[in-house]
Amino acid sequence: MTNVGKSGNDANPTYRLSAAGREAAEDERLRLLETIFDPASRRVRSMVQPGWRCLEIGAGRGSMAVWLAQQVGEKGHVVATDNDVTYLERLNLPNLEVRRHNILEDPIETLSLGSFNMVSLRLVLFWLVGRQEEAIRRMVQCLRPGGCLVDEDGDWGTVVPVNPFHPMYECYQQVWKKGDWWAARGYGPEFGRKVPALMEHCGLEDIHHEAHAEVLRATSPWGHWWLQTLERWRATDEAAGILTEARREEYEVLTAPWSDASFWFQTVVIHACWAQRPT
């Protein structure tokens, strides 16, 4: 996903990693994201069949949309949406349609209500603070009866060091505060685990869920991607005029470990959830 909302500050939490003005750097960050997350994303979407109509929300660079287009074949169709289609416009597949669309702000009727066998998204709902249920209900309208909604979202507070004897462990934890670093910015650090209940509340049934995380070195591709993400957050704070000296020191602590191969950490716990619209 590249941009699901207007840029904001802590009082108005929204998507903070827009590509505007930094397209090349964001292209690289999203490429790393695809490398890290695509294998699991393909597996949880493995129910897709040839001939299906699929909708990918917040498609980013489009790797999952391309994969879906390959799975549905020439008789199927994939619609890939995002607020910012800079990267999606590079794609050229006959059964893949790119649409600029904001799931919350643009008319949902333009996405062909009740026509999709599957609607899927990854790392999008977390950013829609206070409006996640609204977004799910709008996506459910796009599903045909029996169609499947697939979401992957994280408990982002779980990115923590695992070795209490490492010299950077204590200062990192003091800043991170068990994930409350997110809560102080208006986001829910434990959002991902709530998705199954949200889907049920929105009327979906036959709900399935799985979660996974890894323990990796800071110098892994995951760590490199996380460092780029934190650096982008710092730049956004600075551009918004909210990078106080205290915050600057916090970012120094949080970004310091990622060139140290002896720093082991747990990745975000990703919750994959899929459920059906009632027939």
C-alpha atoms as a PDB file:
ATOM      1  CA  MET A   1       0.000   0.000   0.000  1.00  0.00           C
ATOM      2  CA  THR A   2       1.291   3.447  -0.801  1.00  0.00           C
ATOM      3  CA  ASN A   3      -1.206   6.038   0.404  1.00  0.00           C
ATOM      4  CA  VAL A   4      -4.634   5.539   1.938  1.00  0.00           C
ATOM      5  CA  GLY A   5      -5.209   8.964   3.420  1.00  0.00           C
ATOM      6  CA  LYS A   6      -4.094  12.541   3.708  1.00  0.00           C
ATOM      7  CA  SER A   7      -0.838  13.143   5.543  1.00  0.00           C
ATOM      8  CA  GLY A   8      -1.368  14.070   9.168  1.00  0.00           C
ATOM      9  CA  ASN A   9       0.138  14.505  12.597  1.00  0.00           C
ATOM     10  CA  ASP A  10      -0.327  12.693  15.890  1.00  0.00           C
ATOM     11  CA  ALA A  11      -3.726  14.310  16.420  1.00  0.00           C
ATOM     12  CA  ASN A  12      -4.951  12.918  13.097  1.00  0.00           C
ATOM     13  CA  PRO A  13      -3.299   9.527  12.590  1.00  0.00           C
ATOM     14  CA  THR A  14      -3.283   8.336   8.996  1.00  0.00           C
ATOM     15  CA  TYR A  15      -0.862   6.868   6.471  1.00  0.00           C
ATOM     16  CA  ARG A  16       2.569   8.356   7.128  1.00  0.00           C
ATOM     17  CA  LEU A  17       4.706   6.798   4.363  1.00  0.00           C
ATOM     18  CA  SER A  18       3.533   8.573   1.219  1.00  0.00           C
ATOM     19  CA  ALA A  19       5.733   8.308  -1.866  1.00  0.00           C
ATOM     20  CA  ALA A  20       5.137  11.930  -2.932  1.00  0.00           C
ATOM     21  CA  GLY A  21       8.471  13.616  -3.612  1.00  0.00           C
ATOM     22  CA  ARG A  22      10.465  10.489  -2.783  1.00  0.00           C
ATOM     23  CA  GLU A  23       9.307   7.990  -5.378  1.00  0.00           C
ATOM     24  CA  ALA A  24      12.658   6.216  -5.876  1.00  0.00           C
ATOM     25  CA  ALA A  25      13.275   5.716  -2.155  1.00  0.00           C
ATOM     26  CA  GLU A  26       9.723   4.484  -1.569  1.00  0.00           C
ATOM     27  CA  ASP A  27      10.015   2.167  -4.560  1.00  0.00           C
ATOM     28  CA  GLU A  28      12.972   0.505  -2.842  1.00  0.00           C
ATOM     29  CA  ARG A  29      11.214   0.330   0.533  1.00  0.00           C
ATOM     30  CA  LEU A  30       8.143  -1.279  -1.059  1.00  0.00           C
ATOM     31  CA  ARG A  31      10.353  -3.683  -3.020  1.00  0.00           C
ATOM     32  CA  LEU A  32      11.803  -4.894   0.269  1.00  0.00           C
ATOM     33  CA  LEU A  33       8.284  -5.157   1.711  1.00  0.00           C
ATOM     34  CA  GLU A  34       7.285  -7.412  -1.190  1.00  0.00           C
ATOM     35  CA  THR A  35      10.357  -9.601  -0.710  1.00  0.00           C
ATOM     36  CA  ILE A  36       9.559 -10.018   2.964  1.00  0.00           C
ATOM     37  CA  PHE A  37       5.772 -10.450   2.926  1.00  0.00           C
ATOM     38  CA  ASP A  38       4.812 -11.872  -0.496  1.00  0.00           C
ATOM     39  CA  PRO A  39       5.520 -15.570   0.215  1.00  0.00           C
ATOM     40  CA  ALA A  40       3.037 -15.645   3.112  1.00  0.00           C
ATOM     41  CA  SER A  41       0.572 -13.438   1.243  1.00  0.00           C
ATOM     42  CA  ARG A  42       0.516 -15.835  -1.699  1.00  0.00           C
ATOM     43  CA  ARG A  43      -0.110 -18.741   0.629  1.00  0.00           C
ATOM     44  CA  VAL A  44      -3.099 -17.154   2.387  1.00  0.00           C
ATOM     45  CA  ARG A  45      -4.573 -16.278  -1.030  1.00  0.00           C
ATOM     46  CA  SER A  46      -4.057 -19.798  -2.351  1.00  0.00           C
ATOM     47  CA  MET A  47      -7.819 -20.386  -2.593  1.00  0.00           C
ATOM     48  CA  VAL A  48      -7.959 -18.209  -5.739  1.00  0.00           C
ATOM     49  CA  GLN A  49      -9.181 -20.097  -8.812  1.00  0.00           C
ATOM     50  CA  PRO A  50      -8.859 -19.623 -12.585  1.00  0.00           C
ATOM     51  CA  GLY A  51     -11.632 -17.385 -13.869  1.00  0.00           C
ATOM     52  CA  TRP A  52     -12.109 -15.494 -10.595  1.00  0.00           C
ATOM     53  CA  ARG A  53     -12.606 -11.744 -10.302  1.00  0.00           C
ATOM     54  CA  CYS A  54     -10.288 -10.336  -7.626  1.00  0.00           C
ATOM     55  CA  LEU A  55      -9.921  -6.893  -6.072  1.00  0.00           C
ATOM     56  CA  GLU A  56      -6.619  -5.898  -4.425  1.00  0.00           C
ATOM     57  CA  ILE A  57      -6.967  -2.836  -2.168  1.00  0.00           C
ATOM     58  CA  GLY A  58      -3.921  -0.628  -1.502  1.00  0.00           C
ATOM     59  CA  ALA A  59      -1.902  -2.556  -4.074  1.00  0.00           C
ATOM     60  CA  GLY A  60       1.346  -0.561  -3.736  1.00  0.00           C
ATOM     61  CA  ARG A  61       3.892  -1.713  -6.328  1.00  0.00           C
ATOM     62  CA  GLY A  62       1.488  -4.414  -7.490  1.00  0.00           C
ATOM     63  CA  SER A  63       3.353  -7.653  -6.815  1.00  0.00           C
ATOM     64  CA  MET A  64       0.300  -9.376  -5.330  1.00  0.00           C
ATOM     65  CA  ALA A  65      -1.986  -8.006  -8.045  1.00  0.00           C
ATOM     66  CA  VAL A  66       0.347  -9.457 -10.689  1.00  0.00           C
ATOM     67  CA  TRP A  67       0.420 -12.798  -8.873  1.00  0.00           C
ATOM     68  CA  LEU A  68      -3.376 -12.847  -8.668  1.00  0.00           C
ATOM     69  CA  ALA A  69      -3.620 -12.053 -12.383  1.00  0.00           C
ATOM     70  CA  GLN A  70      -1.415 -15.049 -13.088  1.00  0.00           C
ATOM     71  CA  GLN A  71      -3.600 -17.293 -10.930  1.00  0.00           C
ATOM     72  CA  VAL A  72      -6.964 -16.250 -12.395  1.00  0.00           C
ATOM     73  CA  GLY A  73      -5.705 -16.628 -15.961  1.00  0.00           C
ATOM     74  CA  GLU A  74      -7.031 -15.115 -19.160  1.00  0.00           C
ATOM     75  CA  LYS A  75     -10.656 -15.799 -18.214  1.00  0.00           C
ATOM     76  CA  GLY A  76     -10.283 -14.034 -14.874  1.00  0.00           C
ATOM     77  CA  HIS A  77      -9.849 -10.383 -13.992  1.00  0.00           C
ATOM     78  CA  VAL A  78      -7.971  -8.456 -11.292  1.00  0.00           C
ATOM     79  CA  VAL A  79      -8.606  -4.857 -10.252  1.00  0.00           C
ATOM     80  CA  ALA A  80      -5.729  -3.219  -8.336  1.00  0.00           C
ATOM     81  CA  THR A  81      -6.504   0.013  -6.484  1.00  0.00           C
ATOM     82  CA  ASP A  82      -4.513   2.599  -4.584  1.00  0.00           C
ATOM     83  CA  ASN A  83      -4.626   6.317  -3.889  1.00  0.00           C
ATOM     84  CA  ASP A  84      -1.265   6.643  -5.605  1.00  0.00           C
ATOM     85  CA  VAL A  85      -0.925   4.502  -8.744  1.00  0.00           C
ATOM     86  CA  THR A  86       2.610   5.682  -9.602  1.00  0.00           C
ATOM     87  CA  TYR A  87       4.020   2.167  -9.433  1.00  0.00           C
ATOM     88  CA  LEU A  88       0.918   0.314 -10.598  1.00  0.00           C
ATOM     89  CA  GLU A  89       0.902   2.220 -13.881  1.00  0.00           C
ATOM     90  CA  ARG A  90       4.079   0.357 -14.852  1.00  0.00           C
ATOM     91  CA  LEU A  91       2.155  -2.920 -15.004  1.00  0.00           C
ATOM     92  CA  ASN A  92       0.867  -4.208 -18.310  1.00  0.00           C
ATOM     93  CA  LEU A  93      -1.176  -7.396 -18.141  1.00  0.00           C
ATOM     94  CA  PRO A  94      -4.340  -7.933 -20.202  1.00  0.00           C
ATOM     95  CA  ASN A  95      -6.372  -9.201 -17.227  1.00  0.00           C
ATOM     96  CA  LEU A  96      -5.116  -6.586 -14.725  1.00  0.00           C
ATOM     97  CA  GLU A  97      -6.908  -3.243 -14.365  1.00  0.00           C
ATOM     98  CA  VAL A  98      -5.396  -0.391 -12.351  1.00  0.00           C
ATOM     99  CA  ARG A  99      -7.753   2.056 -10.641  1.00  0.00           C
ATOM    100  CA  ARG A 100      -7.005   5.124  -8.517  1.00  0.00           C
ATOM    101  CA  HIS A 101      -9.432   4.659  -5.627  1.00  0.00           C
ATOM    102  CA  ASN A 102      -9.650   5.444  -1.910  1.00  0.00           C
ATOM    103  CA  ILE A 103     -11.687   2.753  -0.169  1.00  0.00           C
ATOM    104  CA  LEU A 104     -13.092   5.265   2.351  1.00  0.00           C
ATOM    105  CA  GLU A 105     -13.518   8.450   0.344  1.00  0.00           C
ATOM    106  CA  ASP A 106     -14.371   7.433  -3.229  1.00  0.00           C
ATOM    107  CA  PRO A 107     -17.742   5.999  -4.313  1.00  0.00           C
ATOM    108  CA  ILE A 108     -17.713   2.276  -3.633  1.00  0.00           C
ATOM    109  CA  GLU A 109     -20.179   1.719  -6.488  1.00  0.00           C
ATOM    110  CA  THR A 110     -17.419   2.384  -9.032  1.00  0.00           C
ATOM    111  CA  LEU A 111     -15.795  -0.917  -8.050  1.00  0.00           C
ATOM    112  CA  SER A 112     -18.699  -3.099  -9.295  1.00  0.00           C
ATOM    113  CA  LEU A 113     -20.616  -4.105  -6.184  1.00  0.00           C
ATOM    114  CA  GLY A 114     -21.241  -7.783  -5.586  1.00  0.00           C
ATOM    115  CA  SER A 115     -18.986  -8.899  -8.428  1.00  0.00           C
ATOM    116  CA  PHE A 116     -15.738 -10.151  -6.856  1.00  0.00           C
ATOM    117  CA  ASN A 117     -14.890 -13.674  -5.761  1.00  0.00           C
ATOM    118  CA  MET A 118     -12.147 -12.295  -3.545  1.00  0.00           C
ATOM    119  CA  VAL A 119     -11.219  -8.911  -2.087  1.00  0.00           C
ATOM    120  CA  SER A 120      -7.779  -8.799  -0.472  1.00  0.00           C
ATOM    121  CA  LEU A 121      -5.523  -6.293   1.213  1.00  0.00           C
ATOM    122  CA  ARG A 122      -2.309  -6.206   3.206  1.00  0.00           C
ATOM    123  CA  LEU A 123      -1.096  -3.758   5.864  1.00  0.00           C
ATOM    124  CA  VAL A 124      -3.841  -1.262   5.050  1.00  0.00           C
ATOM    125  CA  LEU A 125      -6.510  -1.361   7.781  1.00  0.00           C
ATOM    126  CA  PHE A 126      -4.031  -0.518  10.547  1.00  0.00           C
ATOM    127  CA  TRP A 127      -3.681   3.010   9.162  1.00  0.00           C
ATOM    128  CA  LEU A 128      -7.433   3.715   8.978  1.00  0.00           C
ATOM    129  CA  VAL A 129      -7.714   4.606  12.644  1.00  0.00           C
ATOM    130  CA  GLY A 130     -11.327   4.735  13.809  1.00  0.00           C
ATOM    131  CA  ARG A 131     -12.640   3.724  10.377  1.00  0.00           C
ATOM    132  CA  GLN A 132     -11.526   0.107   9.991  1.00  0.00           C
ATOM    133  CA  GLU A 133     -15.050  -1.274  10.387  1.00  0.00           C
ATOM    134  CA  GLU A 134     -16.363   1.182   7.806  1.00  0.00           C
ATOM    135  CA  ALA A 135     -13.675   0.069   5.356  1.00  0.00           C
ATOM    136  CA  ILE A 136     -14.477  -3.610   5.873  1.00  0.00           C
ATOM    137  CA  ARG A 137     -18.191  -3.040   5.334  1.00  0.00           C
ATOM    138  CA  ARG A 138     -17.455  -1.226   2.084  1.00  0.00           C
ATOM    139  CA  MET A 139     -15.247  -4.066   0.886  1.00  0.00           C
ATOM    140  CA  VAL A 140     -17.888  -6.641   1.798  1.00  0.00           C
ATOM    141  CA  GLN A 141     -20.245  -4.839  -0.591  1.00  0.00           C
ATOM    142  CA  CYS A 142     -17.817  -5.629  -3.405  1.00  0.00           C
ATOM    143  CA  LEU A 143     -17.976  -9.378  -2.743  1.00  0.00           C
ATOM    144  CA  ARG A 144     -20.442 -11.652  -4.425  1.00  0.00           C
ATOM    145  CA  PRO A 145     -22.344 -13.990  -2.062  1.00  0.00           C
ATOM    146  CA  GLY A 146     -19.880 -16.633  -0.886  1.00  0.00           C
ATOM    147  CA  GLY A 147     -16.941 -14.426  -1.871  1.00  0.00           C
ATOM    148  CA  CYS A 148     -13.899 -14.191   0.390  1.00  0.00           C
ATOM    149  CA  LEU A 149     -12.315 -11.201   2.126  1.00  0.00           C
ATOM    150  CA  VAL A 150      -8.609 -11.695   2.917  1.00  0.00           C
ATOM    151  CA  ASP A 151      -6.699  -9.310   5.157  1.00  0.00           C
ATOM    152  CA  GLU A 152      -3.197  -9.265   6.635  1.00  0.00           C
ATOM    153  CA  ASP A 153      -2.474  -6.773   9.401  1.00  0.00           C
ATOM    154  CA  GLY A 154       0.056  -6.506  12.179  1.00  0.00           C
ATOM    155  CA  ASP A 155       0.494  -6.048  15.885  1.00  0.00           C
ATOM    156  CA  TRP A 156       3.193  -3.466  15.241  1.00  0.00           C
ATOM    157  CA  GLY A 157       4.109  -3.123  18.893  1.00  0.00           C
ATOM    158  CA  THR A 158       5.770  -6.547  18.748  1.00  0.00           C
ATOM    159  CA  VAL A 159       8.940  -5.418  16.907  1.00  0.00           C
ATOM    160  CA  VAL A 160      11.200  -5.864  19.940  1.00  0.00           C
ATOM    161  CA  PRO A 161      14.746  -6.982  20.788  1.00  0.00           C
ATOM    162  CA  VAL A 162      14.976 -10.461  22.239  1.00  0.00           C
ATOM    163  CA  ASN A 163      18.381 -10.476  23.960  1.00  0.00           C
ATOM    164  CA  PRO A 164      18.208  -8.654  27.329  1.00  0.00           C
ATOM    165  CA  PHE A 165      22.014  -8.759  27.580  1.00  0.00           C
ATOM    166  CA  HIS A 166      22.589  -6.732  24.421  1.00  0.00           C
ATOM    167  CA  PRO A 167      23.945  -3.240  25.229  1.00  0.00           C
ATOM    168  CA  MET A 168      21.173  -1.564  23.207  1.00  0.00           C
ATOM    169  CA  TYR A 169      18.340  -3.613  24.716  1.00  0.00           C
ATOM    170  CA  GLU A 170      17.397  -1.370  27.662  1.00  0.00           C
ATOM    171  CA  CYS A 171      17.474   1.970  25.873  1.00  0.00           C
ATOM    172  CA  TYR A 172      15.436   0.542  22.974  1.00  0.00           C
ATOM    173  CA  GLN A 173      12.809  -0.833  25.332  1.00  0.00           C
ATOM    174  CA  GLN A 174      12.618   2.438  27.273  1.00  0.00           C
ATOM    175  CA  VAL A 175      11.722   4.282  24.061  1.00  0.00           C
ATOM    176  CA  TRP A 176       9.552   1.547  22.550  1.00  0.00           C
ATOM    177  CA  LYS A 177       7.603   0.994  25.797  1.00  0.00           C
ATOM    178  CA  LYS A 178       6.199  -2.384  24.721  1.00  0.00           C
ATOM    179  CA  GLY A 179       4.694  -0.841  21.610  1.00  0.00           C
ATOM    180  CA  ASP A 180       3.235   2.239  23.276  1.00  0.00           C
ATOM    181  CA  TRP A 181       5.419   4.252  20.875  1.00  0.00           C
ATOM    182  CA  TRP A 182       2.578   3.599  18.387  1.00  0.00           C
ATOM    183  CA  ALA A 183      -0.183   4.443  20.843  1.00  0.00           C
ATOM    184  CA  ALA A 184       1.443   7.822  21.547  1.00  0.00           C
ATOM    185  CA  ARG A 185       1.048   8.557  17.828  1.00  0.00           C
ATOM    186  CA  GLY A 186      -2.603   7.565  17.715  1.00  0.00           C
ATOM    187  CA  TYR A 187      -2.295   4.020  16.340  1.00  0.00           C
ATOM    188  CA  GLY A 188      -3.329   0.697  17.852  1.00  0.00           C
ATOM    189  CA  PRO A 189      -0.181  -1.407  18.446  1.00  0.00           C
ATOM    190  CA  GLU A 190      -2.332  -4.531  18.878  1.00  0.00           C
ATOM    191  CA  PHE A 191      -4.687  -3.945  15.955  1.00  0.00           C
ATOM    192  CA  GLY A 192      -3.929  -7.071  13.924  1.00  0.00           C
ATOM    193  CA  ARG A 193      -5.317  -9.526  16.459  1.00  0.00           C
ATOM    194  CA  LYS A 194      -8.680  -7.723  16.392  1.00  0.00           C
ATOM    195  CA  VAL A 195      -9.361  -8.381  12.697  1.00  0.00           C
ATOM    196  CA  PRO A 196     -11.260 -11.703  13.124  1.00  0.00           C
ATOM    197  CA  ALA A 197     -13.710 -10.098  15.557  1.00  0.00           C
ATOM    198  CA  LEU A 198     -14.101  -7.097  13.256  1.00  0.00           C
ATOM    199  CA  MET A 199     -14.916  -9.369  10.324  1.00  0.00           C
ATOM    200  CA  GLU A 200     -17.528 -11.208  12.368  1.00  0.00           C
ATOM    201  CA  HIS A 201     -19.034  -7.903  13.496  1.00  0.00           C
ATOM    202  CA  CYS A 202     -19.335  -6.916   9.825  1.00  0.00           C
ATOM    203  CA  GLY A 203     -21.417 -10.014   9.059  1.00  0.00           C
ATOM    204  CA  LEU A 204     -18.782 -12.305   7.574  1.00  0.00           C
ATOM    205  CA  GLU A 205     -18.789 -16.006   8.369  1.00  0.00           C
ATOM    206  CA  ASP A 206     -16.532 -19.090   8.193  1.00  0.00           C
ATOM    207  CA  ILE A 207     -13.701 -17.018   9.656  1.00  0.00           C
ATOM    208  CA  HIS A 208     -10.136 -18.363   9.590  1.00  0.00           C
ATOM    209  CA  HIS A 209      -7.066 -16.900  11.229  1.00  0.00           C
ATOM    210  CA  GLU A 210      -3.365 -17.555  11.527  1.00  0.00           C
ATOM    211  CA  ALA A 211      -0.476 -15.513  12.893  1.00  0.00           C
ATOM    212  CA  HIS A 212       3.275 -15.633  12.464  1.00  0.00           C
ATOM    213  CA  ALA A 213       6.458 -13.818  13.428  1.00  0.00           C
ATOM    214  CA  GLU A 214      10.173 -14.509  13.170  1.00  0.00           C
ATOM    215  CA  VAL A 215      13.329 -13.803  15.167  1.00  0.00           C
ATOM    216  CA  LEU A 216      15.999 -12.305  12.887  1.00  0.00           C
ATOM    217  CA  ARG A 217      19.241 -10.362  12.884  1.00  0.00           C
ATOM    218  CA  ALA A 218      19.036  -6.602  12.603  1.00  0.00           C
ATOM    219  CA  THR A 219      21.046  -6.764   9.367  1.00  0.00           C
ATOM    220  CA  SER A 220      18.487  -9.010   7.641  1.00  0.00           C
ATOM    221  CA  PRO A 221      16.322  -7.667   4.778  1.00  0.00           C
ATOM    222  CA  TRP A 222      13.532  -7.275   7.349  1.00  0.00           C
ATOM    223  CA  GLY A 223      15.763  -5.108   9.507  1.00  0.00           C
ATOM    224  CA  HIS A 224      16.831  -3.057   6.497  1.00  0.00           C
ATOM    225  CA  TRP A 225      13.181  -2.464   5.582  1.00  0.00           C
ATOM    226  CA  TRP A 226      12.307  -1.522   9.162  1.00  0.00           C
ATOM    227  CA  LEU A 227      15.172   0.978   9.298  1.00  0.00           C
ATOM    228  CA  GLN A 228      13.943   2.613   6.078  1.00  0.00           C
ATOM    229  CA  THR A 229      10.430   2.777   7.560  1.00  0.00           C
ATOM    230  CA  LEU A 230      11.609   4.440  10.778  1.00  0.00           C
ATOM    231  CA  GLU A 231      13.735   6.914   8.843  1.00  0.00           C
ATOM    232  CA  ARG A 232      10.711   7.831   6.747  1.00  0.00           C
ATOM    233  CA  TRP A 233       8.671   8.389   9.915  1.00  0.00           C
ATOM    234  CA  ARG A 234      11.366  10.700  11.226  1.00  0.00           C
ATOM    235  CA  ALA A 235      11.390  12.688   7.982  1.00  0.00           C
ATOM    236  CA  THR A 236       7.584  12.972   8.097  1.00  0.00           C
ATOM    237  CA  ASP A 237       7.705  14.281  11.673  1.00  0.00           C
ATOM    238  CA  GLU A 238      10.311  16.825  10.629  1.00  0.00           C
ATOM    239  CA  ALA A 239       8.278  17.977   7.633  1.00  0.00           C
ATOM    240  CA  ALA A 240       5.201  18.336   9.864  1.00  0.00           C
ATOM    241  CA  GLY A 241       7.131  20.443  12.384  1.00  0.00           C
ATOM    242  CA  ILE A 242       6.663  17.942  15.220  1.00  0.00           C
ATOM    243  CA  LEU A 243      10.218  16.554  15.415  1.00  0.00           C
ATOM    244  CA  THR A 244      11.091  17.856  18.862  1.00  0.00           C
ATOM    245  CA  GLU A 245      14.520  17.300  20.356  1.00  0.00           C
ATOM    246  CA  ALA A 246      13.051  14.546  22.534  1.00  0.00           C
ATOM    247  CA  ARG A 247      11.612  12.818  19.479  1.00  0.00           C
ATOM    248  CA  ARG A 248      14.893  13.196  17.626  1.00  0.00           C
ATOM    249  CA  GLU A 249      16.644  11.385  20.463  1.00  0.00           C
ATOM    250  CA  GLU A 250      13.984   8.650  20.377  1.00  0.00           C
ATOM    251  CA  TYR A 251      14.586   8.063  16.678  1.00  0.00           C
ATOM    252  CA  GLU A 252      18.332   7.897  17.277  1.00  0.00           C
ATOM    253  CA  VAL A 253      17.754   5.096  19.785  1.00  0.00           C
ATOM    254  CA  LEU A 254      15.290   3.205  17.562  1.00  0.00           C
ATOM    255  CA  THR A 255      17.408   3.396  14.398  1.00  0.00           C
ATOM    256  CA  ALA A 256      20.793   2.643  15.981  1.00  0.00           C
ATOM    257  CA  PRO A 257      20.568  -1.194  16.196  1.00  0.00           C
ATOM    258  CA  TRP A 258      19.914  -1.985  12.544  1.00  0.00           C
ATOM    259  CA  SER A 259      23.547  -2.104  11.417  1.00  0.00           C
ATOM    260  CA  ASP A 260      24.535  -4.395  14.295  1.00  0.00           C
ATOM    261  CA  ALA A 261      24.467  -8.090  13.340  1.00  0.00           C
ATOM    262  CA  SER A 262      24.511  -9.065  17.019  1.00  0.00           C
ATOM    263  CA  PHE A 263      21.144  -7.381  17.618  1.00  0.00           C
ATOM    264  CA  TRP A 264      18.396 -10.030  17.344  1.00  0.00           C
ATOM    265  CA  PHE A 265      14.768  -8.977  17.300  1.00  0.00           C
ATOM    266  CA  GLN A 266      11.254 -10.321  16.857  1.00  0.00           C
ATOM    267  CA  THR A 267       9.446  -9.122  13.767  1.00  0.00           C
ATOM    268  CA  VAL A 268       5.901  -7.834  13.758  1.00  0.00           C
ATOM    269  CA  VAL A 269       3.241 -10.477  14.426  1.00  0.00           C
ATOM    270  CA  ILE A 270       1.254 -10.602  11.197  1.00  0.00           C
ATOM    271  CA  HIS A 271      -2.352 -11.756  11.522  1.00  0.00           C
ATOM    272  CA  ALA A 272      -3.854 -13.255   8.360  1.00  0.00           C
ATOM    273  CA  CYS A 273      -7.628 -13.522   8.411  1.00  0.00           C
ATOM    274  CA  TRP A 274     -10.058 -14.641   5.738  1.00  0.00           C
ATOM    275  CA  ALA A 275     -13.830 -15.004   5.818  1.00  0.00           C
ATOM    276  CA  GLN A 276     -16.836 -15.323   3.513  1.00  0.00           C
ATOM    277  CA  ARG A 277     -19.746 -13.112   2.695  1.00  0.00           C
ATOM    278  CA  PRO A 278     -22.894 -15.110   3.522  1.00  0.00           C
ATOM    279  CA  THR A 279     -24.554 -16.774   0.550  1.00  0.00           C
END
